[in-house]
């Protein structure tokens, strides 16, 4: 009896992240998640505060089972037969419905959380102007205050990010690997807010997150390290350096002036937080990245693992000098971190583009199976 009672009062680590100033978002979205009531349940029971999506997530959802058959038939009846337009129309519907479920979170958090993200076509990652056009169009079509448009943080993406934010579009900057590129993204955010402020436009309702990718760094670096003692340490050290910069930026006079006018900080969002190496703890990239004014976007399997056995502590502010020492040791250990980050950005763009192409092919095959083509 006593055991059952203590288990019923066990703290849910996902819900408890809020006390540390961190918001857990889910790195998964599907029609089944929405229609089954599972999404609403995750909000209520686990304290879910947002959702991200990308081509790989949608590809998986489209290719498994018949969850989207009815939607495909309906859209084709509406004469939406082009596969890219068809995917976009279905994805927009999913995003809208998820945003509706998360709207109470958006309201209760004062517009800080409750966001659902939709990515511009990965084919536009190197085209600033077309990315801006797509961001404007998608944001207008979604017509929800609690949605974000995802734009890759490539060199070409920087101007698209700044101009889109200046237009009043909430932006989730994705595929960030290096602290240097993160600094440029932060500058783009501040520039956009200053532009709006000078024009007399509101800035309090603009939201943005900078999605800093984590586990892929360790996967890449561990494979070339000459010093075995550094294995499994680079990704977290790199993230801590980004967070250190975030803290400094939050305190500088330029941002403080914007904050007085109602600006929100552009929170760091930890992405790619599933553990790829089975030798490492399965919740490593959750436990070691807990800190104020951050988001962790978590795949469902890792979400459930952290709920089951995650340990809580304000880890981001711990051992920052040791993290800097790890970064300093990398060149001697045979690692050019700048090159690793650039290679990962290129590989990430290719992977998203490949997923997108695969998704469209799956969708075309599905249309043929349903005698729609």
Protein backbone atom coordinates (compact mmCIF):
# COMPACT_ATOMS: atom_id res chain seq x y z
CA UNK A 1 0.00 0.00 0.00
CA UNK A 2 2.77 2.40 0.97
CA UNK A 3 4.71 1.62 -2.23
CA UNK A 4 1.69 2.32 -4.40
CA UNK A 5 1.09 5.62 -2.61
CA UNK A 6 4.70 6.79 -3.05
CA UNK A 7 4.65 5.86 -6.74
CA UNK A 8 1.44 7.83 -7.27
CA UNK A 9 3.18 10.91 -5.87
CA UNK A 10 6.31 10.47 -7.96
CA UNK A 11 7.35 13.71 -9.61
CA UNK A 12 7.09 13.67 -13.40
CA UNK A 13 10.55 14.91 -14.50
CA UNK A 14 9.09 16.41 -17.69
CA UNK A 15 6.62 18.53 -15.74
CA UNK A 16 9.31 19.43 -13.22
CA UNK A 17 11.47 21.04 -15.94
CA UNK A 18 9.25 24.11 -15.64
CA UNK A 19 10.67 24.81 -12.16
CA UNK A 20 14.13 25.03 -13.81
CA UNK A 21 12.90 27.51 -16.42
CA UNK A 22 12.99 24.98 -19.27
CA UNK A 23 10.16 24.10 -21.64
CA UNK A 24 9.86 20.55 -23.03
CA UNK A 25 8.70 20.52 -26.64
CA UNK A 26 8.00 17.35 -28.60
CA UNK A 27 9.98 16.55 -31.74
CA UNK A 28 7.09 14.71 -33.36
CA UNK A 29 3.80 15.50 -35.08
CA UNK A 30 1.20 13.38 -36.83
CA UNK A 31 -2.52 13.30 -37.51
CA UNK A 32 -2.78 10.25 -35.22
CA UNK A 33 -1.15 12.17 -32.34
CA UNK A 34 -3.79 14.89 -32.74
CA UNK A 35 -6.90 12.78 -33.39
CA UNK A 36 -6.20 10.14 -30.74
CA UNK A 37 -6.16 12.72 -27.98
CA UNK A 38 -2.54 11.83 -27.20
CA UNK A 39 -1.31 15.37 -27.84
CA UNK A 40 -3.84 16.87 -25.42
CA UNK A 41 -2.90 14.17 -22.90
CA UNK A 42 0.82 15.04 -23.18
CA UNK A 43 0.00 18.68 -22.52
CA UNK A 44 -2.05 17.82 -19.45
CA UNK A 45 0.01 15.00 -17.94
CA UNK A 46 3.59 15.76 -19.02
CA UNK A 47 3.57 19.53 -19.30
CA UNK A 48 4.28 19.55 -23.06
CA UNK A 49 4.73 23.17 -24.13
CA UNK A 50 5.37 23.03 -27.89
CA UNK A 51 5.91 20.90 -30.98
CA UNK A 52 8.40 20.95 -33.84
CA UNK A 53 8.08 19.25 -37.20
CA UNK A 54 10.38 18.67 -40.15
CA UNK A 55 10.27 16.72 -43.44
CA UNK A 56 11.61 13.53 -41.81
CA UNK A 57 8.85 13.60 -39.17
CA UNK A 58 6.12 14.12 -41.79
CA UNK A 59 7.68 11.50 -44.09
CA UNK A 60 7.47 8.91 -41.31
CA UNK A 61 3.85 9.82 -40.56
CA UNK A 62 2.80 9.71 -44.24
CA UNK A 63 4.52 6.40 -45.02
CA UNK A 64 3.13 4.45 -42.06
CA UNK A 65 -0.42 3.13 -42.29
CA UNK A 66 -3.51 4.88 -43.57
CA UNK A 67 -3.83 7.84 -41.16
CA UNK A 68 -3.65 10.34 -44.01
CA UNK A 69 -5.73 8.51 -46.62
CA UNK A 70 -8.93 10.44 -45.84
CA UNK A 71 -7.09 13.78 -45.93
CA UNK A 72 -5.46 12.92 -49.25
CA UNK A 73 -8.81 11.93 -50.78
CA UNK A 74 -10.43 15.12 -49.48
CA UNK A 75 -7.68 17.38 -50.85
CA UNK A 76 -7.72 15.67 -54.23
CA UNK A 77 -11.49 16.18 -54.38
CA UNK A 78 -10.67 19.87 -53.92
CA UNK A 79 -8.45 19.58 -57.03
CA UNK A 80 -5.16 19.79 -55.09
CA UNK A 81 -3.29 17.20 -57.16
CA UNK A 82 0.29 18.50 -57.20
CA UNK A 83 2.21 16.46 -54.60
CA UNK A 84 4.06 19.46 -53.12
CA UNK A 85 0.88 21.54 -52.82
CA UNK A 86 -0.95 18.50 -51.44
CA UNK A 87 1.66 17.89 -48.74
CA UNK A 88 1.71 21.55 -47.77
CA UNK A 89 -2.07 21.72 -47.50
CA UNK A 90 -2.20 18.62 -45.25
CA UNK A 91 0.74 19.80 -43.14
CA UNK A 92 -0.89 23.20 -42.62
CA UNK A 93 -4.04 21.47 -41.39
CA UNK A 94 -2.01 19.41 -38.88
CA UNK A 95 -0.15 22.50 -37.67
CA UNK A 96 -3.38 24.47 -37.25
CA UNK A 97 -5.05 21.68 -35.27
CA UNK A 98 -2.00 21.17 -33.04
CA UNK A 99 -1.79 24.94 -32.49
CA UNK A 100 -5.44 24.94 -31.41
CA UNK A 101 -4.70 22.30 -28.75
CA UNK A 102 -1.64 24.23 -27.57
CA UNK A 103 -3.29 27.66 -27.61
CA UNK A 104 -4.16 27.52 -23.88
CA UNK A 105 -0.44 26.96 -23.18
CA UNK A 106 0.36 30.00 -25.33
CA UNK A 107 -2.14 32.13 -23.41
CA UNK A 108 -1.19 30.94 -19.91
CA UNK A 109 2.55 31.43 -20.63
CA UNK A 110 2.03 34.99 -21.87
CA UNK A 111 3.00 34.00 -25.41
CA UNK A 112 6.26 32.37 -24.37
CA UNK A 113 5.24 28.78 -25.17
CA UNK A 114 2.53 26.79 -26.91
CA UNK A 115 4.16 27.02 -30.35
CA UNK A 116 3.97 24.59 -33.27
CA UNK A 117 6.64 24.87 -35.98
CA UNK A 118 6.39 24.29 -39.73
CA UNK A 119 9.48 24.32 -41.94
CA UNK A 120 9.84 26.08 -45.27
CA UNK A 121 10.74 23.74 -48.10
CA UNK A 122 14.30 22.42 -47.56
CA UNK A 123 14.88 23.08 -51.25
CA UNK A 124 15.06 26.79 -50.40
CA UNK A 125 17.86 26.54 -47.81
CA UNK A 126 20.34 28.44 -50.04
CA UNK A 127 17.85 30.96 -51.45
CA UNK A 128 17.16 33.97 -49.20
CA UNK A 129 14.44 35.66 -51.25
CA UNK A 130 12.37 32.52 -51.89
CA UNK A 131 12.69 31.58 -48.21
CA UNK A 132 11.25 34.99 -47.21
CA UNK A 133 8.37 34.56 -49.68
CA UNK A 134 7.61 31.07 -48.36
CA UNK A 135 7.79 32.19 -44.71
CA UNK A 136 5.34 35.05 -45.38
CA UNK A 137 2.92 32.81 -47.26
CA UNK A 138 2.97 29.96 -44.72
CA UNK A 139 2.60 32.28 -41.72
CA UNK A 140 -0.33 34.02 -43.39
CA UNK A 141 -2.02 30.73 -44.27
CA UNK A 142 -1.56 29.31 -40.77
CA UNK A 143 -3.14 32.47 -39.30
CA UNK A 144 -2.33 31.54 -35.72
CA UNK A 145 -0.31 33.57 -33.20
CA UNK A 146 1.27 30.41 -31.75
CA UNK A 147 3.01 29.07 -34.84
CA UNK A 148 6.62 29.42 -35.89
CA UNK A 149 8.12 29.10 -39.33
CA UNK A 150 11.35 27.11 -39.39
CA UNK A 151 14.22 28.54 -41.43
CA UNK A 152 17.66 26.87 -41.56
CA UNK A 153 20.44 28.95 -40.01
CA UNK A 154 22.62 28.85 -43.09
CA UNK A 155 24.65 31.85 -44.23
CA UNK A 156 21.97 32.50 -46.87
CA UNK A 157 19.28 32.04 -44.24
CA UNK A 158 20.52 34.90 -42.05
CA UNK A 159 18.99 37.70 -44.11
CA UNK A 160 15.78 35.68 -44.57
CA UNK A 161 15.57 35.22 -40.79
CA UNK A 162 16.11 38.91 -40.08
CA UNK A 163 13.67 40.13 -42.73
CA UNK A 164 11.00 37.60 -41.74
CA UNK A 165 11.25 38.58 -38.07
CA UNK A 166 11.08 42.24 -39.10
CA UNK A 167 7.82 41.37 -40.91
CA UNK A 168 6.42 40.11 -37.59
CA UNK A 169 6.78 36.40 -38.32
CA UNK A 170 7.70 34.06 -35.47
CA UNK A 171 10.81 32.15 -36.50
CA UNK A 172 12.37 28.89 -35.34
CA UNK A 173 15.95 28.93 -36.64
CA UNK A 174 17.02 25.36 -37.26
CA UNK A 175 20.26 23.47 -38.02
CA UNK A 176 22.56 25.53 -35.79
CA UNK A 177 25.77 23.75 -34.85
CA UNK A 178 28.42 26.41 -34.20
CA UNK A 179 28.50 29.12 -31.56
CA UNK A 180 29.72 31.55 -34.24
CA UNK A 181 26.60 31.01 -36.39
CA UNK A 182 24.40 31.19 -33.30
CA UNK A 183 25.88 34.63 -32.54
CA UNK A 184 24.95 35.78 -36.07
CA UNK A 185 21.41 34.47 -35.59
CA UNK A 186 21.12 36.34 -32.27
CA UNK A 187 22.26 39.52 -33.99
CA UNK A 188 19.64 39.02 -36.71
CA UNK A 189 16.94 38.76 -34.03
CA UNK A 190 18.04 41.95 -32.26
CA UNK A 191 18.37 43.83 -35.57
CA UNK A 192 14.82 42.83 -36.52
CA UNK A 193 13.41 43.95 -33.18
CA UNK A 194 15.26 47.28 -33.37
CA UNK A 195 13.91 47.83 -36.88
CA UNK A 196 10.34 47.23 -35.70
CA UNK A 197 10.81 49.46 -32.65
CA UNK A 198 12.11 52.35 -34.79
CA UNK A 199 9.13 51.93 -37.13
CA UNK A 200 6.75 52.05 -34.18
CA UNK A 201 5.71 48.43 -34.73
CA UNK A 202 4.96 46.10 -31.80
CA UNK A 203 7.73 43.77 -30.63
CA UNK A 204 6.15 42.14 -27.57
CA UNK A 205 4.34 39.53 -29.66
CA UNK A 206 7.40 38.44 -31.69
CA UNK A 207 8.80 35.05 -30.68
CA UNK A 208 11.87 33.17 -31.86
CA UNK A 209 13.97 30.19 -30.83
CA UNK A 210 17.47 29.27 -31.98
CA UNK A 211 17.60 25.49 -32.47
CA UNK A 212 21.09 24.38 -31.51
CA UNK A 213 21.79 20.77 -32.53
CA UNK A 214 23.55 18.61 -29.98
CA UNK A 215 24.03 14.84 -30.31
CA UNK A 216 25.18 14.97 -33.95
CA UNK A 217 28.23 16.92 -32.73
CA UNK A 218 29.35 14.02 -30.52
CA UNK A 219 28.68 11.48 -33.27
CA UNK A 220 30.94 13.42 -35.65
CA UNK A 221 33.65 14.43 -33.17
CA UNK A 222 33.93 11.06 -31.41
CA UNK A 223 34.72 9.37 -34.72
CA UNK A 224 37.85 11.51 -35.25
CA UNK A 225 39.08 12.09 -31.70
CA UNK A 226 42.62 11.04 -30.94
CA UNK A 227 42.04 11.57 -27.22
CA UNK A 228 39.55 9.00 -25.91
CA UNK A 229 39.05 10.91 -22.66
CA UNK A 230 37.19 13.63 -24.58
CA UNK A 231 34.61 11.30 -26.11
CA UNK A 232 31.02 12.24 -25.39
CA UNK A 233 31.97 15.68 -24.07
CA UNK A 234 32.09 18.01 -27.07
CA UNK A 235 28.38 18.42 -27.77
CA UNK A 236 27.49 19.44 -24.22
CA UNK A 237 30.57 21.69 -23.96
CA UNK A 238 29.61 23.38 -27.25
CA UNK A 239 26.04 23.88 -26.01
CA UNK A 240 27.29 25.38 -22.75
CA UNK A 241 29.38 27.88 -24.69
CA UNK A 242 26.26 28.88 -26.66
CA UNK A 243 24.28 29.25 -23.42
CA UNK A 244 27.05 31.35 -21.89
CA UNK A 245 26.76 33.72 -24.84
CA UNK A 246 22.96 33.74 -24.50
CA UNK A 247 23.31 34.83 -20.86
CA UNK A 248 25.76 37.60 -21.78
CA UNK A 249 23.50 38.80 -24.60
CA UNK A 250 20.45 38.86 -22.33
CA UNK A 251 22.27 41.27 -20.00
CA UNK A 252 23.72 43.66 -22.56
CA UNK A 253 22.35 47.18 -22.77
CA UNK A 254 21.03 46.85 -26.32
CA UNK A 255 18.77 43.91 -25.45
CA UNK A 256 17.81 45.40 -22.10
CA UNK A 257 16.37 48.42 -23.95
CA UNK A 258 14.35 46.09 -26.17
CA UNK A 259 13.21 44.09 -23.16
CA UNK A 260 11.86 47.27 -21.57
CA UNK A 261 9.75 47.67 -24.71
CA UNK A 262 8.35 44.17 -24.21
CA UNK A 263 10.78 42.04 -26.23
CA UNK A 264 11.15 38.37 -25.35
CA UNK A 265 14.59 36.74 -25.37
CA UNK A 266 15.31 34.48 -28.31
CA UNK A 267 15.57 31.24 -26.35
CA UNK A 268 18.07 28.55 -27.14
CA UNK A 269 16.32 25.35 -28.15
CA UNK A 270 18.29 22.12 -27.79
CA UNK A 271 17.61 19.94 -30.84
CA UNK A 272 18.85 16.49 -31.84
CA UNK A 273 18.71 15.38 -28.21
CA UNK A 274 18.19 11.64 -28.64
CA UNK A 275 21.30 9.67 -27.70
CA UNK A 276 22.88 8.12 -30.80
CA UNK A 277 25.66 6.22 -28.98
CA UNK A 278 24.28 3.30 -26.90
CA UNK A 279 27.31 3.62 -24.61
CA UNK A 280 25.92 6.94 -23.34
CA UNK A 281 22.97 7.45 -21.01
CA UNK A 282 19.74 7.53 -23.04
CA UNK A 283 18.71 10.88 -21.50
CA UNK A 284 22.19 12.43 -21.49
CA UNK A 285 21.27 15.38 -23.71
CA UNK A 286 18.24 16.23 -21.58
CA UNK A 287 19.81 15.95 -18.13
CA UNK A 288 22.98 17.89 -19.00
CA UNK A 289 21.19 20.78 -20.74
CA UNK A 290 18.66 21.93 -18.14
CA UNK A 291 18.69 25.68 -17.63
CA UNK A 292 16.63 28.86 -17.47
CA UNK A 293 15.01 30.34 -20.58
CA UNK A 294 15.72 27.30 -22.74
CA UNK A 295 13.69 24.74 -24.66
CA UNK A 296 14.47 21.07 -25.25
CA UNK A 297 12.73 19.52 -28.23
CA UNK A 298 12.57 15.81 -27.50
CA UNK A 299 11.79 12.78 -29.72
CA UNK A 300 8.99 10.61 -28.34
CA UNK A 301 11.22 7.68 -27.31
CA UNK A 302 13.57 9.98 -25.38
CA UNK A 303 10.55 11.83 -23.98
CA UNK A 304 9.25 8.59 -22.45
CA UNK A 305 12.71 7.62 -21.18
CA UNK A 306 13.17 10.95 -19.42
CA UNK A 307 9.68 10.71 -17.93
CA UNK A 308 10.62 7.29 -16.59
CA UNK A 309 14.09 7.89 -15.14
CA UNK A 310 15.26 11.45 -15.85
CA UNK A 311 17.22 13.25 -13.13
CA UNK A 312 16.82 16.97 -12.55
CA UNK A 313 19.43 19.62 -11.83
CA UNK A 314 20.36 23.04 -13.23
CA UNK A 315 23.18 21.51 -15.28
CA UNK A 316 23.76 24.26 -17.85
CA UNK A 317 25.51 26.57 -15.39
CA UNK A 318 27.75 23.81 -14.01
CA UNK A 319 31.40 23.37 -14.97
CA UNK A 320 31.42 26.10 -17.62
CA UNK A 321 35.20 26.55 -17.36
CA UNK A 322 35.63 22.78 -17.84
CA UNK A 323 33.43 22.99 -20.94
CA UNK A 324 35.67 25.74 -22.32
CA UNK A 325 38.69 23.52 -21.56
CA UNK A 326 37.15 20.70 -23.63
CA UNK A 327 36.70 23.05 -26.59
CA UNK A 328 40.29 24.29 -26.17
CA UNK A 329 41.67 20.74 -26.22
CA UNK A 330 39.97 19.70 -29.46
CA UNK A 331 42.61 21.01 -31.93
CA UNK A 332 45.35 19.03 -30.16
CA UNK A 333 43.08 15.99 -30.28
CA UNK A 334 42.79 16.28 -34.07
CA UNK A 335 39.41 18.00 -34.24
CA UNK A 336 38.61 21.15 -36.22
CA UNK A 337 35.26 21.99 -34.62
CA UNK A 338 34.48 24.77 -37.13
CA UNK A 339 34.86 22.29 -39.98
CA UNK A 340 32.79 19.67 -38.15
CA UNK A 341 29.99 22.20 -37.68
CA UNK A 342 30.09 23.32 -41.33
CA UNK A 343 30.04 19.70 -42.52
CA UNK A 344 27.10 18.93 -40.23
CA UNK A 345 25.18 21.94 -41.53
CA UNK A 346 25.73 20.80 -45.13
CA UNK A 347 24.78 17.22 -44.25
CA UNK A 348 21.69 18.43 -42.37
CA UNK A 349 20.46 20.47 -45.33
CA UNK A 350 20.99 17.49 -47.64
CA UNK A 351 19.25 15.12 -45.22
CA UNK A 352 16.21 17.40 -44.92
CA UNK A 353 16.08 17.84 -48.71
CA UNK A 354 16.36 14.07 -49.21
CA UNK A 355 13.60 13.48 -46.63
CA UNK A 356 11.44 16.00 -48.44
CA UNK A 357 11.99 14.30 -51.80
CA UNK A 358 11.27 10.91 -50.21
CA UNK A 359 8.10 12.31 -48.63
CA UNK A 360 6.83 13.61 -51.98
CA UNK A 361 7.61 10.24 -53.62
CA UNK A 362 5.73 8.41 -50.85
CA UNK A 363 2.81 10.78 -51.29
CA UNK A 364 2.76 10.17 -55.04
CA UNK A 365 2.82 6.40 -54.47
CA UNK A 366 -0.03 6.75 -51.97
CA UNK A 367 -2.08 8.72 -54.52
CA UNK A 368 -1.52 5.98 -57.08
CA UNK A 369 -2.57 3.31 -54.56
CA UNK A 370 -5.76 5.28 -53.94
CA UNK A 371 -6.34 5.54 -57.74
CA UNK A 372 -5.85 9.29 -57.64
CA UNK A 373 -3.05 9.33 -60.24
